[in-house]
C-alpha atoms as a PDB file:
ATOM      1  CA  UNK A   1     -22.006  -3.798   8.316  1.00  0.00           C
ATOM      2  CA  UNK A   2     -24.165  -3.243   5.467  1.00  0.00           C
ATOM      3  CA  UNK A   3     -22.245  -0.761   3.700  1.00  0.00           C
ATOM      4  CA  UNK A   4     -19.288  -3.111   3.981  1.00  0.00           C
ATOM      5  CA  UNK A   5     -21.221  -5.993   2.682  1.00  0.00           C
ATOM      6  CA  UNK A   6     -22.357  -3.645  -0.307  1.00  0.00           C
ATOM      7  CA  UNK A   7     -18.958  -2.935  -1.097  1.00  0.00           C
ATOM      8  CA  UNK A   8     -17.648  -6.532  -0.912  1.00  0.00           C
ATOM      9  CA  UNK A   9     -20.182  -7.560  -3.443  1.00  0.00           C
ATOM     10  CA  UNK A  10     -19.547  -4.662  -5.622  1.00  0.00           C
ATOM     11  CA  UNK A  11     -15.760  -5.524  -5.508  1.00  0.00           C
ATOM     12  CA  UNK A  12     -16.425  -9.149  -6.455  1.00  0.00           C
ATOM     13  CA  UNK A  13     -18.541  -7.958  -9.483  1.00  0.00           C
ATOM     14  CA  UNK A  14     -15.662  -5.598 -10.594  1.00  0.00           C
ATOM     15  CA  UNK A  15     -13.113  -8.279 -10.329  1.00  0.00           C
ATOM     16  CA  UNK A  16     -14.840 -11.012 -12.129  1.00  0.00           C
ATOM     17  CA  UNK A  17     -12.510 -11.972 -15.391  1.00  0.00           C
ATOM     18  CA  UNK A  18     -10.005 -14.189 -16.610  1.00  0.00           C
ATOM     19  CA  UNK A  19      -7.423 -13.168 -14.200  1.00  0.00           C
ATOM     20  CA  UNK A  20      -4.506 -15.464 -12.584  1.00  0.00           C
ATOM     21  CA  UNK A  21      -3.406 -13.080  -9.812  1.00  0.00           C
ATOM     22  CA  UNK A  22      -4.841 -10.313  -7.493  1.00  0.00           C
ATOM     23  CA  UNK A  23      -2.146  -7.666  -6.405  1.00  0.00           C
ATOM     24  CA  UNK A  24      -3.203  -5.536  -3.410  1.00  0.00           C
ATOM     25  CA  UNK A  25      -1.544  -2.585  -2.007  1.00  0.00           C
ATOM     26  CA  UNK A  26      -1.415  -2.731   1.923  1.00  0.00           C
ATOM     27  CA  UNK A  27      -1.639   0.765   3.564  1.00  0.00           C
ATOM     28  CA  UNK A  28      -5.104   2.335   2.654  1.00  0.00           C
ATOM     29  CA  UNK A  29      -6.056  -0.878   0.628  1.00  0.00           C
ATOM     30  CA  UNK A  30      -6.173  -3.996   3.106  1.00  0.00           C
ATOM     31  CA  UNK A  31      -4.941  -1.883   6.323  1.00  0.00           C
ATOM     32  CA  UNK A  32      -6.961   1.045   7.742  1.00  0.00           C
ATOM     33  CA  UNK A  33      -3.844   2.872   8.686  1.00  0.00           C
ATOM     34  CA  UNK A  34      -3.533   5.891   6.447  1.00  0.00           C
ATOM     35  CA  UNK A  35      -4.360   8.165   9.291  1.00  0.00           C
ATOM     36  CA  UNK A  36      -1.661   6.535  11.355  1.00  0.00           C
ATOM     37  CA  UNK A  37       1.068   6.978   8.712  1.00  0.00           C
ATOM     38  CA  UNK A  38      -0.172  10.655   8.123  1.00  0.00           C
ATOM     39  CA  UNK A  39       0.225  11.300  12.093  1.00  0.00           C
ATOM     40  CA  UNK A  40       3.643   9.786  12.120  1.00  0.00           C
ATOM     41  CA  UNK A  41       4.776  11.956   9.261  1.00  0.00           C
ATOM     42  CA  UNK A  42       3.346  14.974  11.046  1.00  0.00           C
ATOM     43  CA  UNK A  43       5.139  14.073  14.466  1.00  0.00           C
ATOM     44  CA  UNK A  44       8.468  13.399  12.928  1.00  0.00           C
ATOM     45  CA  UNK A  45       8.556  16.689  11.135  1.00  0.00           C
ATOM     46  CA  UNK A  46       7.235  18.330  14.157  1.00  0.00           C
ATOM     47  CA  UNK A  47      10.102  17.171  16.119  1.00  0.00           C
ATOM     48  CA  UNK A  48      12.380  19.485  13.911  1.00  0.00           C
ATOM     49  CA  UNK A  49       9.845  22.459  13.876  1.00  0.00           C
ATOM     50  CA  UNK A  50       8.394  21.783  10.602  1.00  0.00           C
ATOM     51  CA  UNK A  51       4.504  21.899  10.506  1.00  0.00           C
ATOM     52  CA  UNK A  52       3.327  19.772   7.504  1.00  0.00           C
ATOM     53  CA  UNK A  53      -0.115  19.658   6.078  1.00  0.00           C
ATOM     54  CA  UNK A  54      -1.394  15.941   6.289  1.00  0.00           C
ATOM     55  CA  UNK A  55      -3.143  16.538   2.721  1.00  0.00           C
ATOM     56  CA  UNK A  56       0.494  16.307   1.298  1.00  0.00           C
ATOM     57  CA  UNK A  57       0.913  12.794   2.721  1.00  0.00           C
ATOM     58  CA  UNK A  58      -2.649  11.604   1.350  1.00  0.00           C
ATOM     59  CA  UNK A  59      -1.688  13.147  -2.268  1.00  0.00           C
ATOM     60  CA  UNK A  60       1.760  11.263  -2.149  1.00  0.00           C
ATOM     61  CA  UNK A  61       0.039   7.751  -0.969  1.00  0.00           C
ATOM     62  CA  UNK A  62       2.032   4.763  -2.088  1.00  0.00           C
ATOM     63  CA  UNK A  63       5.299   6.577  -2.695  1.00  0.00           C
ATOM     64  CA  UNK A  64       8.156   5.344  -0.720  1.00  0.00           C
ATOM     65  CA  UNK A  65       8.900   7.213   2.334  1.00  0.00           C
ATOM     66  CA  UNK A  66      12.341   8.744   1.474  1.00  0.00           C
ATOM     67  CA  UNK A  67      10.383   9.892  -1.489  1.00  0.00           C
ATOM     68  CA  UNK A  68       7.988  11.773   0.233  1.00  0.00           C
ATOM     69  CA  UNK A  69      10.603  13.287   2.532  1.00  0.00           C
ATOM     70  CA  UNK A  70      12.365  14.626  -0.225  1.00  0.00           C
ATOM     71  CA  UNK A  71       9.021  16.323  -1.429  1.00  0.00           C
ATOM     72  CA  UNK A  72       8.465  17.724   2.021  1.00  0.00           C
ATOM     73  CA  UNK A  73      11.888  19.096   1.693  1.00  0.00           C
ATOM     74  CA  UNK A  74      11.074  20.817  -1.526  1.00  0.00           C
ATOM     75  CA  UNK A  75       7.623  22.280  -0.546  1.00  0.00           C
ATOM     76  CA  UNK A  76       8.693  23.099   2.899  1.00  0.00           C
ATOM     77  CA  UNK A  77      12.282  24.507   2.242  1.00  0.00           C
ATOM     78  CA  UNK A  78      13.427  21.848   5.014  1.00  0.00           C
ATOM     79  CA  UNK A  79      16.484  19.701   4.963  1.00  0.00           C
ATOM     80  CA  UNK A  80      15.432  16.430   6.528  1.00  0.00           C
ATOM     81  CA  UNK A  81      17.570  13.534   5.735  1.00  0.00           C
ATOM     82  CA  UNK A  82      15.226  11.025   3.887  1.00  0.00           C
ATOM     83  CA  UNK A  83      16.867   7.877   5.244  1.00  0.00           C
ATOM     84  CA  UNK A  84      16.878   9.099   8.884  1.00  0.00           C
ATOM     85  CA  UNK A  85      13.294  10.490   8.550  1.00  0.00           C
ATOM     86  CA  UNK A  86      12.205   7.249   7.164  1.00  0.00           C
ATOM     87  CA  UNK A  87      13.963   5.112  10.073  1.00  0.00           C
ATOM     88  CA  UNK A  88      12.402   7.529  12.732  1.00  0.00           C
ATOM     89  CA  UNK A  89       9.112   7.425  11.237  1.00  0.00           C
ATOM     90  CA  UNK A  90       9.123   3.417  10.878  1.00  0.00           C
ATOM     91  CA  UNK A  91      10.151   3.209  14.667  1.00  0.00           C
ATOM     92  CA  UNK A  92       7.362   5.377  15.704  1.00  0.00           C
ATOM     93  CA  UNK A  93       4.840   3.703  13.649  1.00  0.00           C
ATOM     94  CA  UNK A  94       5.984   0.217  14.568  1.00  0.00           C
ATOM     95  CA  UNK A  95       6.341   0.814  18.491  1.00  0.00           C
ATOM     96  CA  UNK A  96       3.127   2.972  18.808  1.00  0.00           C
ATOM     97  CA  UNK A  97       0.497   2.332  16.147  1.00  0.00           C
ATOM     98  CA  UNK A  98       1.212  -1.248  14.337  1.00  0.00           C
ATOM     99  CA  UNK A  99      -0.722  -3.477  16.987  1.00  0.00           C
ATOM    100  CA  UNK A 100      -3.790  -1.245  16.615  1.00  0.00           C
ATOM    101  CA  UNK A 101      -4.282  -1.374  12.761  1.00  0.00           C
ATOM    102  CA  UNK A 102      -7.825  -2.424  11.665  1.00  0.00           C
ATOM    103  CA  UNK A 103      -8.707  -4.013   8.297  1.00  0.00           C
ATOM    104  CA  UNK A 104     -10.562  -2.374   5.533  1.00  0.00           C
ATOM    105  CA  UNK A 105     -12.838  -5.400   5.750  1.00  0.00           C
ATOM    106  CA  UNK A 106     -14.496  -5.560   2.302  1.00  0.00           C
ATOM    107  CA  UNK A 107     -11.073  -5.745   0.858  1.00  0.00           C
ATOM    108  CA  UNK A 108      -9.392  -8.192   3.316  1.00  0.00           C
ATOM    109  CA  UNK A 109     -12.545 -10.179   2.731  1.00  0.00           C
ATOM    110  CA  UNK A 110     -12.262 -10.130  -0.848  1.00  0.00           C
ATOM    111  CA  UNK A 111      -8.534 -11.485  -0.362  1.00  0.00           C
ATOM    112  CA  UNK A 112      -9.730 -14.027   1.882  1.00  0.00           C
ATOM    113  CA  UNK A 113     -12.517 -15.235  -0.499  1.00  0.00           C
ATOM    114  CA  UNK A 114      -9.953 -15.683  -3.408  1.00  0.00           C
ATOM    115  CA  UNK A 115      -6.974 -17.019  -1.742  1.00  0.00           C
ATOM    116  CA  UNK A 116      -6.122 -20.622  -2.994  1.00  0.00           C
ATOM    117  CA  UNK A 117      -8.101 -19.789  -6.083  1.00  0.00           C
ATOM    118  CA  UNK A 118      -5.892 -17.368  -7.557  1.00  0.00           C
ATOM    119  CA  UNK A 119      -2.193 -16.159  -6.800  1.00  0.00           C
ATOM    120  CA  UNK A 120      -2.166 -13.332  -4.313  1.00  0.00           C
ATOM    121  CA  UNK A 121       0.465 -10.556  -3.994  1.00  0.00           C
ATOM    122  CA  UNK A 122       0.726  -7.711  -1.796  1.00  0.00           C
ATOM    123  CA  UNK A 123       2.925  -4.760  -3.339  1.00  0.00           C
ATOM    124  CA  UNK A 124       3.510  -1.699  -0.832  1.00  0.00           C
ATOM    125  CA  UNK A 125       5.878   1.051  -0.371  1.00  0.00           C
ATOM    126  CA  UNK A 126       6.156   0.137   2.969  1.00  0.00           C
ATOM    127  CA  UNK A 127       9.166  -1.822   4.661  1.00  0.00           C
ATOM    128  CA  UNK A 128       9.016  -5.524   4.409  1.00  0.00           C
ATOM    129  CA  UNK A 129       9.120  -5.731   8.331  1.00  0.00           C
ATOM    130  CA  UNK A 130       6.252  -3.167   8.748  1.00  0.00           C
ATOM    131  CA  UNK A 131       4.215  -4.882   5.976  1.00  0.00           C
ATOM    132  CA  UNK A 132       4.798  -8.644   7.268  1.00  0.00           C
ATOM    133  CA  UNK A 133       3.912  -7.181  10.920  1.00  0.00           C
ATOM    134  CA  UNK A 134       0.807  -5.402   9.550  1.00  0.00           C
ATOM    135  CA  UNK A 135      -0.522  -8.516   7.536  1.00  0.00           C
ATOM    136  CA  UNK A 136      -0.043 -10.453  10.871  1.00  0.00           C
ATOM    137  CA  UNK A 137      -2.246  -8.221  12.847  1.00  0.00           C
ATOM    138  CA  UNK A 138      -5.013  -8.580   9.995  1.00  0.00           C
ATOM    139  CA  UNK A 139      -4.663 -12.295  10.169  1.00  0.00           C
ATOM    140  CA  UNK A 140      -3.943 -12.740   6.395  1.00  0.00           C
ATOM    141  CA  UNK A 141      -0.066 -13.126   6.209  1.00  0.00           C
ATOM    142  CA  UNK A 142      -0.349 -16.821   5.549  1.00  0.00           C
ATOM    143  CA  UNK A 143      -3.006 -16.183   2.561  1.00  0.00           C
ATOM    144  CA  UNK A 144      -0.219 -14.125   0.491  1.00  0.00           C
ATOM    145  CA  UNK A 145       1.994 -15.844  -2.199  1.00  0.00           C
ATOM    146  CA  UNK A 146       4.359 -13.062  -2.790  1.00  0.00           C
ATOM    147  CA  UNK A 147       5.456  -9.897  -0.851  1.00  0.00           C
ATOM    148  CA  UNK A 148       7.088  -6.883  -2.918  1.00  0.00           C
ATOM    149  CA  UNK A 149       7.949  -3.968  -0.330  1.00  0.00           C
ATOM    150  CA  UNK A 150      10.124  -0.654  -0.284  1.00  0.00           C
ATOM    151  CA  UNK A 151      13.605  -0.800  -1.965  1.00  0.00           C
ATOM    152  CA  UNK A 152      13.161  -4.220  -3.445  1.00  0.00           C
ATOM    153  CA  UNK A 153      12.980  -2.725  -6.987  1.00  0.00           C
ATOM    154  CA  UNK A 154      15.019  -0.023  -8.704  1.00  0.00           C
ATOM    155  CA  UNK A 155      12.010   2.242  -8.568  1.00  0.00           C
ATOM    156  CA  UNK A 156       8.909   2.266  -6.224  1.00  0.00           C
ATOM    157  CA  UNK A 157       5.378   3.426  -7.249  1.00  0.00           C
ATOM    158  CA  UNK A 158       4.240   5.186  -9.526  1.00  0.00           C
ATOM    159  CA  UNK A 159       6.827   3.318 -11.675  1.00  0.00           C
ATOM    160  CA  UNK A 160       5.586   0.016 -12.774  1.00  0.00           C
ATOM    161  CA  UNK A 161       8.709  -1.930 -11.183  1.00  0.00           C
ATOM    162  CA  UNK A 162       7.071  -3.252  -7.898  1.00  0.00           C
ATOM    163  CA  UNK A 163       4.031  -4.935  -9.940  1.00  0.00           C
ATOM    164  CA  UNK A 164       6.157  -6.088 -12.580  1.00  0.00           C
ATOM    165  CA  UNK A 165       8.345  -7.985 -10.083  1.00  0.00           C
ATOM    166  CA  UNK A 166       5.203  -9.477  -8.277  1.00  0.00           C
ATOM    167  CA  UNK A 167       3.932 -10.773 -11.682  1.00  0.00           C
ATOM    168  CA  UNK A 168       7.483 -12.178 -12.429  1.00  0.00           C
ATOM    169  CA  UNK A 169       7.775 -13.822  -9.057  1.00  0.00           C
ATOM    170  CA  UNK A 170       3.924 -15.406  -9.353  1.00  0.00           C
ATOM    171  CA  UNK A 171       4.766 -16.611 -12.828  1.00  0.00           C
ATOM    172  CA  UNK A 172       2.021 -14.595 -14.507  1.00  0.00           C
ATOM    173  CA  UNK A 173       1.794 -11.903 -17.174  1.00  0.00           C
ATOM    174  CA  UNK A 174       0.997  -8.279 -16.359  1.00  0.00           C
ATOM    175  CA  UNK A 175      -2.523  -8.421 -18.129  1.00  0.00           C
ATOM    176  CA  UNK A 176      -3.388 -11.527 -15.899  1.00  0.00           C
ATOM    177  CA  UNK A 177      -3.150  -9.597 -12.744  1.00  0.00           C
ATOM    178  CA  UNK A 178      -5.749  -7.327 -11.201  1.00  0.00           C
ATOM    179  CA  UNK A 179      -4.634  -4.512  -9.076  1.00  0.00           C
ATOM    180  CA  UNK A 180      -6.460  -3.157  -5.905  1.00  0.00           C
ATOM    181  CA  UNK A 181      -5.264   0.435  -4.938  1.00  0.00           C
ATOM    182  CA  UNK A 182      -6.219   3.360  -3.163  1.00  0.00           C
ATOM    183  CA  UNK A 183      -3.943   6.158  -4.416  1.00  0.00           C
ATOM    184  CA  UNK A 184      -3.083   7.776  -7.576  1.00  0.00           C
ATOM    185  CA  UNK A 185       0.852   6.836  -7.347  1.00  0.00           C
ATOM    186  CA  UNK A 186      -0.570   3.008  -7.307  1.00  0.00           C
ATOM    187  CA  UNK A 187      -2.780   3.431 -10.058  1.00  0.00           C
ATOM    188  CA  UNK A 188      -0.223   5.109 -12.121  1.00  0.00           C
ATOM    189  CA  UNK A 189       1.982   2.113 -11.674  1.00  0.00           C
ATOM    190  CA  UNK A 190      -0.692  -0.526 -12.429  1.00  0.00           C
ATOM    191  CA  UNK A 191      -1.159   1.481 -15.527  1.00  0.00           C
ATOM    192  CA  UNK A 192       2.482   1.608 -16.419  1.00  0.00           C
ATOM    193  CA  UNK A 193       2.712  -1.987 -15.801  1.00  0.00           C
ATOM    194  CA  UNK A 194      -0.157  -2.788 -18.118  1.00  0.00           C
ATOM    195  CA  UNK A 195      -2.327  -4.205 -15.671  1.00  0.00           C
ATOM    196  CA  UNK A 196      -6.000  -3.625 -15.101  1.00  0.00           C
ATOM    197  CA  UNK A 197      -6.824  -1.760 -11.620  1.00  0.00           C
ATOM    198  CA  UNK A 198      -9.484  -1.116  -9.162  1.00  0.00           C
ATOM    199  CA  UNK A 199      -9.538   1.946  -6.713  1.00  0.00           C
ATOM    200  CA  UNK A 200     -11.067   0.262  -3.844  1.00  0.00           C
ATOM    201  CA  UNK A 201     -11.967   3.727  -2.489  1.00  0.00           C
ATOM    202  CA  UNK A 202     -14.267   4.456  -5.581  1.00  0.00           C
ATOM    203  CA  UNK A 203     -16.080   1.205  -5.023  1.00  0.00           C
END
C-alpha cells in the first residue's frame, strides 16, 4: 500500500544514525492487535458487571496487565484480583485472538530490513508466551536477538528497566539503541533509559 510504503521510507529516514541496536515494542508497534487487547479487557471486566471505557486501555498502552487492572480498580471502584484478571485476559486473547493478528507492515518491514545488520530486541509489557506466539504469527521471531517481557524486570514501562535490560543483554550502551514505540508509557521508559525513540503512530 502506498501509505505504508511512504511510512516505511519515513521510518528509514528517521532511524538513520550511529545505532547498534533497534528495540521495538510489540503490541501496537509491530502487531496490529491493540483493538483485540482492548476488547479482551472489556470482556473480562464485563463478566463481573464492570463496564470499562476502552480509551483507558489506550491511555495505559504498554503497562503490565496487573498494573492496568489496579488502575481499573481505582477508577471504577472495582476489586478485580490483578493476577487472576491478567490470567483470564491472557487465556481469552491467546485462545480467540492471537492467530488473527496482522502486522503493522511498515514497522515489521523496517525490522526485517535491519535484521542481521543491527541487533534487534523486542521489549514488551506482554507475557513471554504471548509475545513469542505473536512474533511467530507475524513471521519475525527468528530475527529477534533478545526478548524482554512482562515480569522479567523489577519494574515495567514507564520505568526504564525493560529497555536497560535489553541493552545489557545485547551488549550495547543505552544511547546506542533506538526505540520504536506507540504509547506514552513506552516513550517515558525510553527517555528514562537515556535512549532516543520514535513514535511509530506519529510517522
